[in-house]
PDB file of N, CA and C in Angstrom:
ATOM      1  N   MET A   1      51.460 109.764 -66.497  1.00  0.00           N
ATOM      2  CA  MET A   1      50.721 109.379 -65.700  1.00  0.00           C
ATOM      3  C   MET A   1      51.033 110.221 -64.527  1.00  0.00           C
ATOM      4  N   GLY A   2      51.418 110.477 -64.331  1.00  0.00           N
ATOM      5  CA  GLY A   2      52.251 111.209 -62.582  1.00  0.00           C
ATOM      6  C   GLY A   2      51.384 112.364 -62.968  1.00  0.00           C
ATOM      7  N   GLU A   3      50.370 112.934 -63.842  1.00  0.00           N
ATOM      8  CA  GLU A   3      49.890 114.090 -63.150  1.00  0.00           C
ATOM      9  C   GLU A   3      48.359 113.528 -62.846  1.00  0.00           C
ATOM     10  N   PHE A   4      47.927 112.707 -63.294  1.00  0.00           N
ATOM     11  CA  PHE A   4      46.117 112.357 -63.190  1.00  0.00           C
ATOM     12  C   PHE A   4      46.993 112.220 -61.564  1.00  0.00           C
ATOM     13  N   LYS A   5      47.845 111.569 -61.335  1.00  0.00           N
ATOM     14  CA  LYS A   5      48.337 110.970 -59.857  1.00  0.00           C
ATOM     15  C   LYS A   5      48.187 112.610 -58.731  1.00  0.00           C
ATOM     16  N   ASP A   6      49.003 113.002 -59.800  1.00  0.00           N
ATOM     17  CA  ASP A   6      49.818 113.829 -58.701  1.00  0.00           C
ATOM     18  C   ASP A   6      47.512 114.973 -57.859  1.00  0.00           C
ATOM     19  N   LYS A   7      47.552 115.038 -58.857  1.00  0.00           N
ATOM     20  CA  LYS A   7      46.613 115.792 -58.949  1.00  0.00           C
ATOM     21  C   LYS A   7      44.826 114.423 -58.155  1.00  0.00           C
ATOM     22  N   MET A   8      44.767 113.889 -58.300  1.00  0.00           N
ATOM     23  CA  MET A   8      44.238 112.358 -57.322  1.00  0.00           C
ATOM     24  C   MET A   8      44.514 113.171 -56.050  1.00  0.00           C
ATOM     25  N   LYS A   9      45.697 112.765 -55.358  1.00  0.00           N
ATOM     26  CA  LYS A   9      45.920 112.816 -54.644  1.00  0.00           C
ATOM     27  C   LYS A   9      45.629 113.873 -53.580  1.00  0.00           C
ATOM     28  N   GLY A  10      46.106 115.240 -54.536  1.00  0.00           N
ATOM     29  CA  GLY A  10      45.903 116.451 -54.271  1.00  0.00           C
ATOM     30  C   GLY A  10      44.678 116.371 -53.384  1.00  0.00           C
ATOM     31  N   THR A  11      44.004 116.231 -54.908  1.00  0.00           N
ATOM     32  CA  THR A  11      42.661 116.267 -54.306  1.00  0.00           C
ATOM     33  C   THR A  11      42.073 115.411 -53.368  1.00  0.00           C
ATOM     34  N   ALA A  12      42.561 114.957 -52.539  1.00  0.00           N
ATOM     35  CA  ALA A  12      42.462 113.976 -51.398  1.00  0.00           C
ATOM     36  C   ALA A  12      42.867 114.684 -50.757  1.00  0.00           C
ATOM     37  N   ASN A  13      43.542 115.413 -50.151  1.00  0.00           N
ATOM     38  CA  ASN A  13      44.440 115.562 -49.099  1.00  0.00           C
ATOM     39  C   ASN A  13      43.685 117.054 -48.828  1.00  0.00           C
ATOM     40  N   GLU A  14      43.583 118.054 -49.840  1.00  0.00           N
ATOM     41  CA  GLU A  14      42.669 118.982 -49.800  1.00  0.00           C
ATOM     42  C   GLU A  14      41.190 118.687 -49.308  1.00  0.00           C
ATOM     43  N   VAL A  15      40.341 117.828 -49.122  1.00  0.00           N
ATOM     44  CA  VAL A  15      38.997 116.837 -48.456  1.00  0.00           C
ATOM     45  C   VAL A  15      39.417 116.852 -47.643  1.00  0.00           C
ATOM     46  N   ALA A  16      40.442 116.016 -47.158  1.00  0.00           N
ATOM     47  CA  ALA A  16      40.790 115.221 -46.288  1.00  0.00           C
ATOM     48  C   ALA A  16      41.248 116.286 -44.726  1.00  0.00           C
ATOM     49  N   GLY A  17      41.546 117.766 -45.618  1.00  0.00           N
ATOM     50  CA  GLY A  17      42.666 118.519 -45.019  1.00  0.00           C
ATOM     51  C   GLY A  17      41.132 119.558 -44.004  1.00  0.00           C
ATOM     52  N   LYS A  18      40.573 119.629 -45.430  1.00  0.00           N
ATOM     53  CA  LYS A  18      39.072 120.589 -45.246  1.00  0.00           C
ATOM     54  C   LYS A  18      38.241 120.029 -44.119  1.00  0.00           C
ATOM     55  N   VAL A  19      38.384 118.560 -43.899  1.00  0.00           N
ATOM     56  CA  VAL A  19      37.327 117.968 -43.097  1.00  0.00           C
ATOM     57  C   VAL A  19      37.838 118.106 -41.656  1.00  0.00           C
ATOM     58  N   LYS A  20      39.115 117.645 -41.377  1.00  0.00           N
ATOM     59  CA  LYS A  20      40.146 118.157 -39.948  1.00  0.00           C
ATOM     60  C   LYS A  20      39.585 119.880 -39.682  1.00  0.00           C
ATOM     61  N   GLU A  21      39.392 120.369 -40.707  1.00  0.00           N
ATOM     62  CA  GLU A  21      40.064 121.748 -40.128  1.00  0.00           C
ATOM     63  C   GLU A  21      38.335 122.406 -39.788  1.00  0.00           C
ATOM     64  N   GLU A  22      37.209 121.894 -40.153  1.00  0.00           N
ATOM     65  CA  GLU A  22      35.793 122.289 -40.111  1.00  0.00           C
ATOM     66  C   GLU A  22      35.612 120.915 -38.631  1.00  0.00           C
ATOM     67  N   ILE A  23      36.529 120.379 -38.407  1.00  0.00           N
ATOM     68  CA  ILE A  23      35.891 118.836 -37.314  1.00  0.00           C
ATOM     69  C   ILE A  23      36.334 119.839 -36.469  1.00  0.00           C
ATOM     70  N   GLY A  24      37.928 120.836 -36.449  1.00  0.00           N
ATOM     71  CA  GLY A  24      38.949 120.910 -35.468  1.00  0.00           C
ATOM     72  C   GLY A  24      38.039 122.137 -35.062  1.00  0.00           C
ATOM     73  N   LYS A  25      37.289 122.951 -35.906  1.00  0.00           N
ATOM     74  CA  LYS A  25      36.570 124.551 -35.839  1.00  0.00           C
ATOM     75  C   LYS A  25      35.445 124.150 -35.268  1.00  0.00           C
ATOM     76  N   ALA A  26      34.777 123.105 -35.279  1.00  0.00           N
ATOM     77  CA  ALA A  26      33.098 122.742 -34.439  1.00  0.00           C
ATOM     78  C   ALA A  26      33.817 122.660 -33.059  1.00  0.00           C
ATOM     79  N   THR A  27      34.780 121.496 -32.755  1.00  0.00           N
ATOM     80  CA  THR A  27      35.040 121.391 -31.183  1.00  0.00           C
ATOM     81  C   THR A  27      35.992 122.313 -31.059  1.00  0.00           C
ATOM     82  N   GLY A  28      36.692 123.015 -30.769  1.00  0.00           N
ATOM     83  CA  GLY A  28      37.576 123.871 -30.559  1.00  0.00           C
ATOM     84  C   GLY A  28      38.710 123.480 -30.422  1.00  0.00           C
ATOM     85  N   ASP A  29      39.110 122.538 -31.248  1.00  0.00           N
ATOM     86  CA  ASP A  29      40.405 121.993 -31.195  1.00  0.00           C
ATOM     87  C   ASP A  29      41.508 122.305 -32.600  1.00  0.00           C
ATOM     88  N   ARG A  30      42.404 123.611 -31.512  1.00  0.00           N
ATOM     89  CA  ARG A  30      43.359 124.442 -31.871  1.00  0.00           C
ATOM     90  C   ARG A  30      44.137 123.302 -33.282  1.00  0.00           C
ATOM     91  N   LYS A  31      44.529 122.456 -32.271  1.00  0.00           N
ATOM     92  CA  LYS A  31      45.930 121.035 -33.468  1.00  0.00           C
ATOM     93  C   LYS A  31      45.149 120.484 -34.491  1.00  0.00           C
ATOM     94  N   MET A  32      44.307 120.077 -34.358  1.00  0.00           N
ATOM     95  CA  MET A  32      43.297 119.480 -35.455  1.00  0.00           C
ATOM     96  C   MET A  32      43.043 120.676 -36.730  1.00  0.00           C
ATOM     97  N   GLU A  33      42.377 121.835 -36.139  1.00  0.00           N
ATOM     98  CA  GLU A  33      42.101 122.744 -37.505  1.00  0.00           C
ATOM     99  C   GLU A  33      43.108 122.887 -38.039  1.00  0.00           C
ATOM    100  N   ALA A  34      44.841 122.891 -36.828  1.00  0.00           N
ATOM    101  CA  ALA A  34      46.386 123.388 -37.871  1.00  0.00           C
ATOM    102  C   ALA A  34      46.288 121.912 -38.306  1.00  0.00           C
ATOM    103  N   LYS A  35      46.600 121.149 -38.763  1.00  0.00           N
ATOM    104  CA  LYS A  35      46.712 119.893 -38.848  1.00  0.00           C
ATOM    105  C   LYS A  35      45.782 119.770 -40.603  1.00  0.00           C
ATOM    106  N   GLY A  36      44.815 120.119 -40.159  1.00  0.00           N
ATOM    107  CA  GLY A  36      44.303 120.066 -41.786  1.00  0.00           C
ATOM    108  C   GLY A  36      43.925 121.668 -42.243  1.00  0.00           C
ATOM    109  N   ALA A  37      44.385 121.774 -42.113  1.00  0.00           N
ATOM    110  CA  ALA A  37      44.886 123.359 -43.011  1.00  0.00           C
ATOM    111  C   ALA A  37      46.670 123.444 -43.212  1.00  0.00           C
ATOM    112  N   ALA A  38      47.124 122.590 -42.519  1.00  0.00           N
ATOM    113  CA  ALA A  38      48.260 122.238 -43.240  1.00  0.00           C
ATOM    114  C   ALA A  38      47.935 121.064 -44.776  1.00  0.00           C
ATOM    115  N   GLN A  39      47.703 119.788 -43.816  1.00  0.00           N
ATOM    116  CA  GLN A  39      47.265 118.606 -45.277  1.00  0.00           C
ATOM    117  C   GLN A  39      46.036 119.277 -46.052  1.00  0.00           C
ATOM    118  N   ASN A  40      45.593 120.775 -46.099  1.00  0.00           N
ATOM    119  CA  ASN A  40      45.105 121.267 -47.769  1.00  0.00           C
ATOM    120  C   ASN A  40      46.197 121.556 -47.903  1.00  0.00           C
ATOM    121  N   ALA A  41      46.393 122.638 -47.671  1.00  0.00           N
ATOM    122  CA  ALA A  41      47.589 123.280 -48.361  1.00  0.00           C
ATOM    123  C   ALA A  41      48.347 122.386 -49.060  1.00  0.00           C
ATOM    124  N   LYS A  42      49.186 121.237 -48.354  1.00  0.00           N
ATOM    125  CA  LYS A  42      49.895 120.184 -49.413  1.00  0.00           C
ATOM    126  C   LYS A  42      49.105 119.427 -50.539  1.00  0.00           C
ATOM    127  N   GLY A  43      47.587 120.032 -50.248  1.00  0.00           N
ATOM    128  CA  GLY A  43      46.749 119.009 -51.775  1.00  0.00           C
ATOM    129  C   GLY A  43      46.916 120.232 -52.249  1.00  0.00           C
ATOM    130  N   HIS A  44      47.208 121.577 -52.451  1.00  0.00           N
ATOM    131  CA  HIS A  44      47.406 122.610 -53.509  1.00  0.00           C
ATOM    132  C   HIS A  44      48.244 122.236 -53.632  1.00  0.00           C
ATOM    133  N   VAL A  45      49.308 122.179 -53.284  1.00  0.00           N
ATOM    134  CA  VAL A  45      50.829 121.542 -53.653  1.00  0.00           C
ATOM    135  C   VAL A  45      51.201 120.795 -54.917  1.00  0.00           C
ATOM    136  N   GLN A  46      50.376 119.098 -54.320  1.00  0.00           N
ATOM    137  CA  GLN A  46      50.398 117.976 -54.959  1.00  0.00           C
ATOM    138  C   GLN A  46      49.636 118.633 -56.509  1.00  0.00           C
ATOM    139  N   LYS A  47      48.431 119.590 -56.800  1.00  0.00           N
ATOM    140  CA  LYS A  47      47.635 119.677 -57.754  1.00  0.00           C
ATOM    141  C   LYS A  47      48.499 120.413 -58.825  1.00  0.00           C
ATOM    142  N   ALA A  48      49.703 121.290 -58.248  1.00  0.00           N
ATOM    143  CA  ALA A  48      49.904 122.588 -58.873  1.00  0.00           C
ATOM    144  C   ALA A  48      51.425 121.559 -59.638  1.00  0.00           C
ATOM    145  N   THR A  49      51.524 120.531 -58.850  1.00  0.00           N
ATOM    146  CA  THR A  49      52.909 119.707 -59.072  1.00  0.00           C
ATOM    147  C   THR A  49      51.855 118.942 -60.339  1.00  0.00           C
ATOM    148  N   GLY A  50      50.906 119.215 -60.086  1.00  0.00           N
ATOM    149  CA  GLY A  50      50.328 117.396 -61.433  1.00  0.00           C
ATOM    150  C   GLY A  50      50.465 118.709 -62.706  1.00  0.00           C
ATOM    151  N   ASP A  51      49.458 119.866 -62.342  1.00  0.00           N
ATOM    152  CA  ASP A  51      49.935 120.851 -63.739  1.00  0.00           C
ATOM    153  C   ASP A  51      51.228 120.828 -64.623  1.00  0.00           C
ATOM    154  N   ILE A  52      52.316 121.500 -63.228  1.00  0.00           N
ATOM    155  CA  ILE A  52      53.308 121.688 -64.162  1.00  0.00           C
ATOM    156  C   ILE A  52      53.993 120.079 -64.679  1.00  0.00           C
ATOM    157  N   LYS A  53      53.843 118.899 -63.871  1.00  0.00           N
ATOM    158  CA  LYS A  53      54.207 118.041 -64.681  1.00  0.00           C
ATOM    159  C   LYS A  53      53.139 117.497 -65.946  1.00  0.00           C
ATOM    160  N   GLY A  54      52.112 118.153 -66.341  1.00  0.00           N
ATOM    161  CA  GLY A  54      51.179 117.531 -67.595  1.00  0.00           C
ATOM    162  C   GLY A  54      51.721 118.640 -68.444  1.00  0.00           C
ATOM    163  N   LYS A  55      52.586 120.047 -68.043  1.00  0.00           N
ATOM    164  CA  LYS A  55      52.161 121.573 -69.266  1.00  0.00           C
ATOM    165  C   LYS A  55      53.991 120.661 -69.661  1.00  0.00           C
ATOM    166  N   MET A  56      54.593 119.423 -69.010  1.00  0.00           N
ATOM    167  CA  MET A  56      56.327 119.933 -69.186  1.00  0.00           C
ATOM    168  C   MET A  56      56.236 118.369 -70.035  1.00  0.00           C
ATOM    169  N   GLY A  57      55.306 118.000 -69.974  1.00  0.00           N
ATOM    170  CA  GLY A  57      55.283 116.812 -70.869  1.00  0.00           C
ATOM    171  C   GLY A  57      55.044 115.225 -69.740  1.00  0.00           C
ATOM    172  N   ASP A  58      55.218 115.030 -68.068  1.00  0.00           N
ATOM    173  CA  ASP A  58      55.707 114.005 -67.380  1.00  0.00           C
ATOM    174  C   ASP A  58      57.062 114.221 -67.340  1.00  0.00           C
ATOM    175  N   LYS A  59      57.953 114.986 -67.286  1.00  0.00           N
ATOM    176  CA  LYS A  59      59.225 114.520 -67.810  1.00  0.00           C
ATOM    177  C   LYS A  59      59.559 115.294 -66.142  1.00  0.00           C
ATOM    178  N   MET A  60      58.868 115.450 -66.008  1.00  0.00           N
ATOM    179  CA  MET A  60      59.662 116.442 -63.945  1.00  0.00           C
ATOM    180  C   MET A  60      59.909 114.863 -63.659  1.00  0.00           C
TER     181      MET A  60
END
């Protein structure tokens, strides 16, 4: 169960981060763009954690 939850949270953070990045680029708001990039990176880490949990059988 943890694997699926991590992957879903990761996907949500990636999408939200990409939206923030694009809004930041469109408006020239570098702070918003940076926050979006950070959230996107967080999503990638969460998805990787889910992948690892899946390979280890949720024993993590």
